[in-house]
Protein backbone atom coordinates (compact mmCIF):
# COMPACT_ATOMS: atom_id res chain seq x y z
CA MET A 1 20.34 11.52 -10.54
CA SER A 2 19.81 15.51 -11.11
CA LYS A 3 17.48 15.35 -13.91
CA THR A 4 13.69 15.15 -13.40
CA ILE A 5 12.40 11.87 -12.80
CA LYS A 6 10.24 10.32 -15.31
CA VAL A 7 6.89 8.70 -14.36
CA ALA A 8 4.83 6.10 -16.32
CA LEU A 9 1.70 5.54 -14.53
CA ALA A 10 -0.50 2.50 -15.04
CA GLY A 11 -4.11 2.19 -13.60
CA ALA A 12 -5.86 5.48 -14.10
CA GLY A 13 -8.69 4.20 -11.31
CA ALA A 14 -8.79 5.92 -7.91
CA PHE A 15 -5.65 5.50 -6.28
CA GLY A 16 -4.05 6.31 -9.52
CA LEU A 17 -5.77 9.64 -9.52
CA LYS A 18 -4.48 9.94 -5.60
CA HIS A 19 -0.98 9.78 -7.45
CA LEU A 20 -1.28 12.07 -9.69
CA ASP A 21 -2.49 14.39 -7.76
CA ALA A 22 0.19 14.07 -4.70
CA ILE A 23 2.94 14.06 -7.44
CA GLN A 24 1.99 17.26 -8.55
CA TYR A 25 3.43 18.65 -5.15
CA ILE A 26 6.89 17.08 -5.75
CA ASP A 27 9.34 19.31 -7.56
CA GLY A 28 11.79 17.50 -10.39
CA VAL A 29 9.12 14.29 -11.47
CA GLU A 30 6.95 14.06 -14.24
CA VAL A 31 4.10 12.16 -15.16
CA VAL A 32 4.67 11.59 -19.22
CA SER A 33 2.57 8.56 -19.51
CA LEU A 34 -0.74 7.88 -18.43
CA VAL A 35 -2.07 3.52 -19.12
CA SER A 36 -5.16 2.31 -18.37
CA ARG A 37 -7.65 0.06 -20.45
CA GLU A 38 -10.54 2.69 -21.70
CA LEU A 39 -8.41 4.64 -23.66
CA GLU A 40 -11.16 7.69 -24.14
CA LYS A 41 -11.28 8.06 -20.15
CA THR A 42 -7.80 7.63 -19.77
CA ARG A 43 -6.77 10.53 -22.88
CA GLU A 44 -9.39 12.54 -20.89
CA ILE A 45 -7.72 12.12 -17.40
CA ALA A 46 -4.37 12.88 -19.28
CA LYS A 47 -5.07 15.94 -20.80
CA ARG A 48 -6.28 16.91 -17.32
CA TYR A 49 -3.26 16.19 -15.55
CA GLY A 50 -1.14 17.32 -18.50
CA ILE A 51 0.30 14.20 -19.83
CA GLY A 52 1.35 13.43 -23.37
CA HIS A 53 1.47 10.08 -23.58
CA VAL A 54 -1.99 7.54 -23.58
CA THR A 55 -2.23 3.80 -24.15
CA THR A 56 -3.95 0.69 -23.18
CA GLU A 57 -0.86 -1.50 -23.11
CA LEU A 58 2.20 -1.40 -20.04
CA ASP A 59 4.62 -2.42 -22.80
CA ASP A 60 4.14 0.64 -24.54
CA SER A 61 5.10 2.78 -21.81
CA LEU A 62 8.66 0.35 -20.82
CA ALA A 63 9.36 0.95 -24.53
CA MET A 64 10.02 4.53 -23.72
CA GLN A 65 13.20 5.43 -23.61
CA GLU A 66 12.64 8.93 -21.27
CA VAL A 67 10.64 6.50 -19.08
CA ASP A 68 13.01 6.51 -15.63
CA ALA A 69 10.30 4.91 -13.33
CA VAL A 70 6.59 3.62 -13.12
CA ILE A 71 3.85 3.39 -10.53
CA LEU A 72 1.49 0.72 -10.70
CA CYS A 73 -2.07 1.38 -9.91
CA THR A 74 -3.52 -1.72 -11.59
CA PRO A 75 -5.63 -4.44 -10.42
CA THR A 76 -4.59 -6.12 -7.90
CA GLN A 77 -4.09 -9.62 -9.81
CA MET A 78 -1.84 -8.00 -12.39
CA HIS A 79 0.85 -6.58 -9.64
CA ALA A 80 3.54 -9.41 -9.61
CA GLY A 81 4.02 -9.49 -13.25
CA GLN A 82 3.75 -6.32 -14.11
CA ALA A 83 6.40 -5.11 -11.11
CA LEU A 84 8.52 -8.19 -12.97
CA ALA A 85 8.15 -6.18 -16.51
CA CYS A 86 8.97 -2.77 -15.13
CA LEU A 87 12.25 -4.18 -13.62
CA LYS A 88 13.49 -6.48 -16.34
CA ALA A 89 12.77 -3.02 -18.76
CA GLY A 90 15.48 -0.97 -16.77
CA LYS A 91 12.78 0.63 -14.94
CA HIS A 92 12.37 1.55 -10.79
CA VAL A 93 8.68 0.37 -9.73
CA GLN A 94 6.03 1.22 -6.95
CA VAL A 95 3.48 -0.95 -7.13
CA GLU A 96 0.57 -0.42 -5.26
CA ILE A 97 -0.37 -2.47 -2.11
CA PRO A 98 -0.25 -5.56 -2.21
CA LEU A 99 2.70 -6.40 -3.85
CA SER A 100 1.60 -9.96 -4.92
CA ASP A 101 -1.39 -11.99 -3.99
CA THR A 102 1.08 -14.57 -3.77
CA LEU A 103 3.76 -15.67 -2.26
CA GLN A 104 6.09 -16.79 -4.71
CA GLY A 105 5.34 -13.74 -6.72
CA ALA A 106 6.47 -11.63 -4.25
CA GLU A 107 9.56 -13.57 -3.73
CA GLU A 108 10.70 -13.31 -7.46
CA LEU A 109 10.06 -9.61 -7.35
CA ALA A 110 12.43 -9.19 -4.48
CA VAL A 111 15.64 -11.91 -5.89
CA LEU A 112 14.88 -9.87 -9.12
CA ALA A 113 15.03 -6.61 -7.56
CA GLN A 114 18.03 -7.41 -5.36
CA ARG A 115 19.85 -8.72 -8.90
CA THR A 116 19.02 -5.43 -10.93
CA GLY A 117 19.86 -3.24 -8.32
CA LEU A 118 17.04 -0.71 -9.34
CA VAL A 119 14.74 1.06 -6.28
CA ALA A 120 11.45 -1.49 -5.79
CA MET A 121 8.59 -0.70 -3.74
CA CYS A 122 5.64 -1.48 -2.25
CA GLY A 123 2.92 1.33 -1.36
CA HIS A 124 2.45 0.23 2.32
CA THR A 125 1.27 3.46 2.92
CA ARG A 126 0.23 3.10 7.33
CA ARG A 127 4.78 3.22 7.04
CA PHE A 128 3.94 6.75 5.83
CA ASN A 129 0.89 8.60 6.73
CA PRO A 130 1.86 11.04 9.51
CA SER A 131 -0.27 9.32 12.30
CA HIS A 132 1.21 6.76 12.15
CA GLN A 133 4.28 8.01 11.77
CA TYR A 134 3.68 9.99 14.98
CA VAL A 135 3.49 6.47 16.60
CA HIS A 136 6.59 4.81 15.12
CA ASN A 137 8.75 8.11 16.34
CA LYS A 138 7.42 7.34 20.10
CA VAL A 139 8.40 3.52 19.61
CA THR A 140 12.06 4.25 18.21
CA ALA A 141 12.68 7.04 20.80
CA GLY A 142 11.96 4.59 23.70
CA GLU A 143 8.97 6.56 25.40
CA PHE A 144 6.49 4.56 23.72
CA ALA A 145 5.68 0.54 23.87
CA ILE A 146 2.89 -1.17 21.94
CA GLN A 147 0.93 -3.76 24.49
CA GLN A 148 -1.64 -4.31 21.59
CA MET A 149 -3.09 -3.32 18.39
CA ASP A 150 -6.17 -3.21 17.74
CA VAL A 151 -7.80 -2.42 13.93
CA GLN A 152 -10.54 -2.26 12.16
CA THR A 153 -10.96 -2.58 8.28
CA TYR A 154 -14.81 -1.63 7.22
CA PHE A 155 -16.51 -0.78 3.80
CA PHE A 156 -19.64 -1.84 2.56
CA ARG A 157 -18.68 -3.42 -1.01
CA ARG A 158 -21.40 -6.14 -1.79
CA THR A 159 -20.69 -5.40 -5.57
CA ASN A 160 -17.70 -5.06 -7.27
CA ILE A 161 -17.21 -1.24 -6.83
CA ASN A 162 -14.16 0.40 -6.34
CA ALA A 163 -13.15 3.35 -3.49
CA LEU A 164 -15.00 5.91 -6.24
CA GLY A 165 -18.23 3.65 -6.46
CA GLU A 166 -17.41 2.61 -9.84
CA ALA A 167 -17.81 -0.53 -11.48
CA ARG A 168 -14.37 -2.57 -10.84
CA SER A 169 -12.91 -5.27 -13.41
CA TRP A 170 -11.43 -6.72 -10.88
CA THR A 171 -12.27 -8.54 -7.52
CA ASP A 172 -10.71 -7.25 -4.35
CA HIS A 173 -9.80 -9.53 -1.56
CA LEU A 174 -9.65 -8.59 2.49
CA LEU A 175 -6.74 -10.96 3.02
CA TRP A 176 -3.82 -9.85 0.08
CA HIS A 177 -5.10 -6.48 0.27
CA HIS A 178 -6.42 -5.25 3.25
CA ALA A 179 -4.88 -7.38 5.59
CA ALA A 180 -1.47 -6.39 3.74
CA HIS A 181 -1.50 -2.75 5.75
CA THR A 182 -2.18 -4.32 8.94
CA VAL A 183 0.42 -7.26 8.43
CA ASP A 184 3.12 -5.12 7.51
CA LEU A 185 2.10 -1.97 10.04
CA PHE A 186 2.25 -4.20 13.21
CA ALA A 187 6.05 -5.87 12.57
CA TYR A 188 7.43 -2.40 11.60
CA GLN A 189 5.03 -0.39 14.73
CA THR A 190 6.20 -3.37 17.27
CA GLY A 191 10.35 -3.48 15.74
CA GLY A 192 9.55 -7.39 16.06
CA GLU A 193 8.67 -10.16 14.04
CA ILE A 194 4.95 -12.23 13.72
CA VAL A 195 5.75 -15.12 15.62
CA GLN A 196 1.80 -16.18 15.31
CA ALA A 197 -1.12 -15.62 13.58
CA ASN A 198 -4.43 -17.02 13.19
CA ILE A 199 -6.97 -16.04 11.01
CA LEU A 200 -10.88 -17.15 10.67
CA GLN A 201 -13.23 -16.22 7.46
CA GLY A 202 -17.19 -16.21 7.00
CA PRO A 203 -18.93 -16.70 4.43
CA VAL A 204 -18.26 -16.64 0.61
CA HIS A 205 -20.29 -14.82 -1.53
CA PRO A 206 -22.18 -16.60 -4.04
CA VAL A 207 -20.91 -14.22 -6.94
CA LEU A 208 -18.19 -12.11 -5.80
CA GLY A 209 -16.54 -16.00 -4.94
CA ILE A 210 -14.50 -14.11 -2.09
CA ALA A 211 -14.98 -14.21 2.17
CA MET A 212 -16.83 -10.62 2.93
CA ASP A 213 -15.75 -10.79 6.59
CA MET A 214 -12.79 -11.98 8.34
CA SER A 215 -10.89 -12.01 11.88
CA ILE A 216 -6.87 -12.16 12.24
CA GLN A 217 -4.75 -12.50 15.52
CA LEU A 218 -1.18 -11.97 15.26
CA LYS A 219 1.36 -11.76 17.83
CA SER A 220 4.41 -9.94 17.56
CA SER A 221 8.35 -11.55 18.91
CA THR A 222 7.99 -7.91 21.25
CA GLY A 223 5.33 -9.54 22.92
CA ALA A 224 2.41 -7.32 21.16
CA ILE A 225 -0.63 -8.46 19.80
CA CYS A 226 -2.96 -7.33 17.18
CA THR A 227 -6.53 -8.24 16.59
CA LEU A 228 -7.70 -7.06 13.17
CA SER A 229 -11.32 -6.99 11.97
CA LEU A 230 -12.43 -6.98 8.15
CA SER A 231 -15.65 -6.63 6.66
CA PHE A 232 -16.92 -5.56 3.52
CA ASN A 233 -19.95 -6.19 4.68
CA ASN A 234 -20.27 -3.35 7.09
CA ASP A 235 -22.85 -0.69 6.55
CA GLY A 236 -20.97 2.62 8.04
CA PRO A 237 -18.77 4.00 9.03
CA LEU A 238 -16.01 3.18 6.59
CA GLY A 239 -12.08 2.81 6.58
CA THR A 240 -9.62 1.42 8.47
CA TYR A 241 -9.06 2.93 11.63
CA PHE A 242 -6.07 1.58 13.99
CA ARG A 243 -6.27 1.81 18.15
CA TYR A 244 -2.58 1.60 19.78
CA ILE A 245 -2.31 0.52 23.10
CA GLY A 246 0.35 0.98 24.92
CA ASP A 247 2.46 1.17 27.89
CA THR A 248 1.76 5.27 28.60
CA ALA A 249 -0.80 6.22 26.23
CA THR A 250 -3.89 5.14 23.42
CA TYR A 251 -3.46 6.87 20.11
CA ILE A 252 -6.69 6.20 17.64
CA ALA A 253 -5.15 6.63 13.83
CA ARG A 254 -7.48 7.19 10.99
CA TYR A 255 -5.57 7.61 7.60
CA ASP A 256 -3.93 10.71 8.25
CA ASP A 257 -4.94 12.09 11.72
CA LEU A 258 -4.46 11.39 15.13
CA PHE A 259 -6.56 11.07 18.59
CA THR A 260 -5.38 10.36 21.84
CA GLY A 261 -7.91 7.39 23.45
CA LYS A 262 -9.99 10.34 24.79
CA GLU A 263 -10.61 11.52 20.92
CA GLU A 264 -8.25 14.45 21.50
CA LYS A 265 -6.73 15.42 18.04
CA ILE A 266 -3.10 15.54 18.17
CA ASP A 267 -0.90 17.92 15.86
CA VAL A 268 0.96 16.01 13.50
CA SER A 269 1.81 18.73 11.05
CA ASN A 270 5.14 18.39 12.20
CA VAL A 271 6.10 14.99 11.35
CA ALA A 272 6.84 15.03 8.07
CA VAL A 273 6.55 18.15 5.06
CA SER A 274 3.27 16.73 3.61
CA MET A 275 0.00 15.76 5.71
CA ASN A 276 -0.83 13.12 2.89
CA GLY A 277 0.52 9.55 3.14
CA ILE A 278 0.04 9.04 -0.51
CA GLU A 279 2.55 11.99 -1.20
CA LEU A 280 4.58 11.22 1.38
CA GLN A 281 4.60 7.79 -0.34
CA ASP A 282 5.79 8.95 -3.36
CA ARG A 283 8.67 11.57 -2.20
CA GLU A 284 10.33 8.39 -0.40
CA PHE A 285 10.05 6.83 -4.29
CA PHE A 286 11.77 9.38 -6.29
CA SER A 287 14.19 10.42 -3.09
CA ALA A 288 15.26 6.85 -3.17
CA ILE A 289 16.04 6.71 -6.76
CA ARG A 290 17.73 10.32 -6.76
CA GLU A 291 20.12 9.29 -3.75
CA GLY A 292 20.59 5.59 -4.81
CA ARG A 293 19.15 3.87 -1.83
CA GLU A 294 16.65 0.81 -0.43
CA PRO A 295 13.51 2.89 0.17
CA ASN A 296 11.24 2.12 3.32
CA SER A 297 8.50 0.05 2.36
CA SER A 298 10.94 -1.31 -0.27
CA VAL A 299 10.12 -5.13 -1.50
CA ALA A 300 12.49 -6.69 0.68
CA LYS A 301 11.32 -5.25 3.87
CA VAL A 302 7.57 -6.22 2.81
CA LEU A 303 8.51 -9.44 1.87
CA PRO A 304 7.54 -11.03 5.58
CA CYS A 305 4.55 -9.61 5.28
CA TYR A 306 3.56 -11.55 2.25
CA ARG A 307 5.00 -14.88 4.00
CA VAL A 308 2.43 -14.27 6.95
CA LEU A 309 -0.41 -13.38 4.45
CA HIS A 310 0.78 -16.58 2.38
CA GLN A 311 0.70 -18.41 5.93
CA LEU A 312 -2.66 -17.52 7.20
CA GLU A 313 -4.41 -18.48 3.46
CA GLN A 314 -2.49 -21.68 4.32
CA GLN A 315 -4.73 -22.38 7.24
CA LEU A 316 -7.92 -21.42 5.58
CA HIS A 317 -7.37 -24.17 2.97
CA ALA A 318 -6.33 -26.73 5.67
């Protein structure tokens, strides 16, 4: 595909805006349709980014013949159903993490993606952050072997708000959303399969109906272990921090930035063409479409993560 890739983006919230900003740096791509639930607010955003078509219904965008691909930044509970609709409409699709909030939904997507031959990708951004790419390159070069990953995913969300501090129309989830980042990354970085997984959760919030604290342990077939702590109760610092403890070094990754275990900053500016993980993720999506290939973090490649999440959920319900 040499022509401009025309994109519909659904979900003009915090992450939708990150994708709109990122796409502005990618040649040969144009967002032609914007979908979100609040029409007037969506029109304002569309005007800001020069997007000509605005709607509150994804089906309207899928009916547009010129649309080649869709990026879904909608509520978690809608991901699987909307991604299936995109594939059935003949559109390439990138769905923001998580792929689904059930294993059944993830597996249905994997089957349909294989059947259609369309590019179907999930936004497992940690595979693309320059910090994690640096570590991955060290591992694949045989210069670093991960012994342990210690990960903290901490937010302060005792009310239903998004990353911009705005009210949400849906409820986020520590397991199916936030743990998915680490479960997938741990397998990807170690190059093994997750052979053991354990979980504990704290009290369920009386209003939100979700556990606000979780602790997860993982073991890779390589022998490496991972400890993941997650909380919506933590009043700062916020975000996700990864400590890689290996046989030759210790690395601390904070989103796109990387440090040694002694807090010395490592220059990762030459790892990729950008220092923005979301932009790199989007570049991979569009490159896979142009080249007719399977992308990194394709539905098929991240499916094992959702099998582990399902296993962990079953433990909580046992």
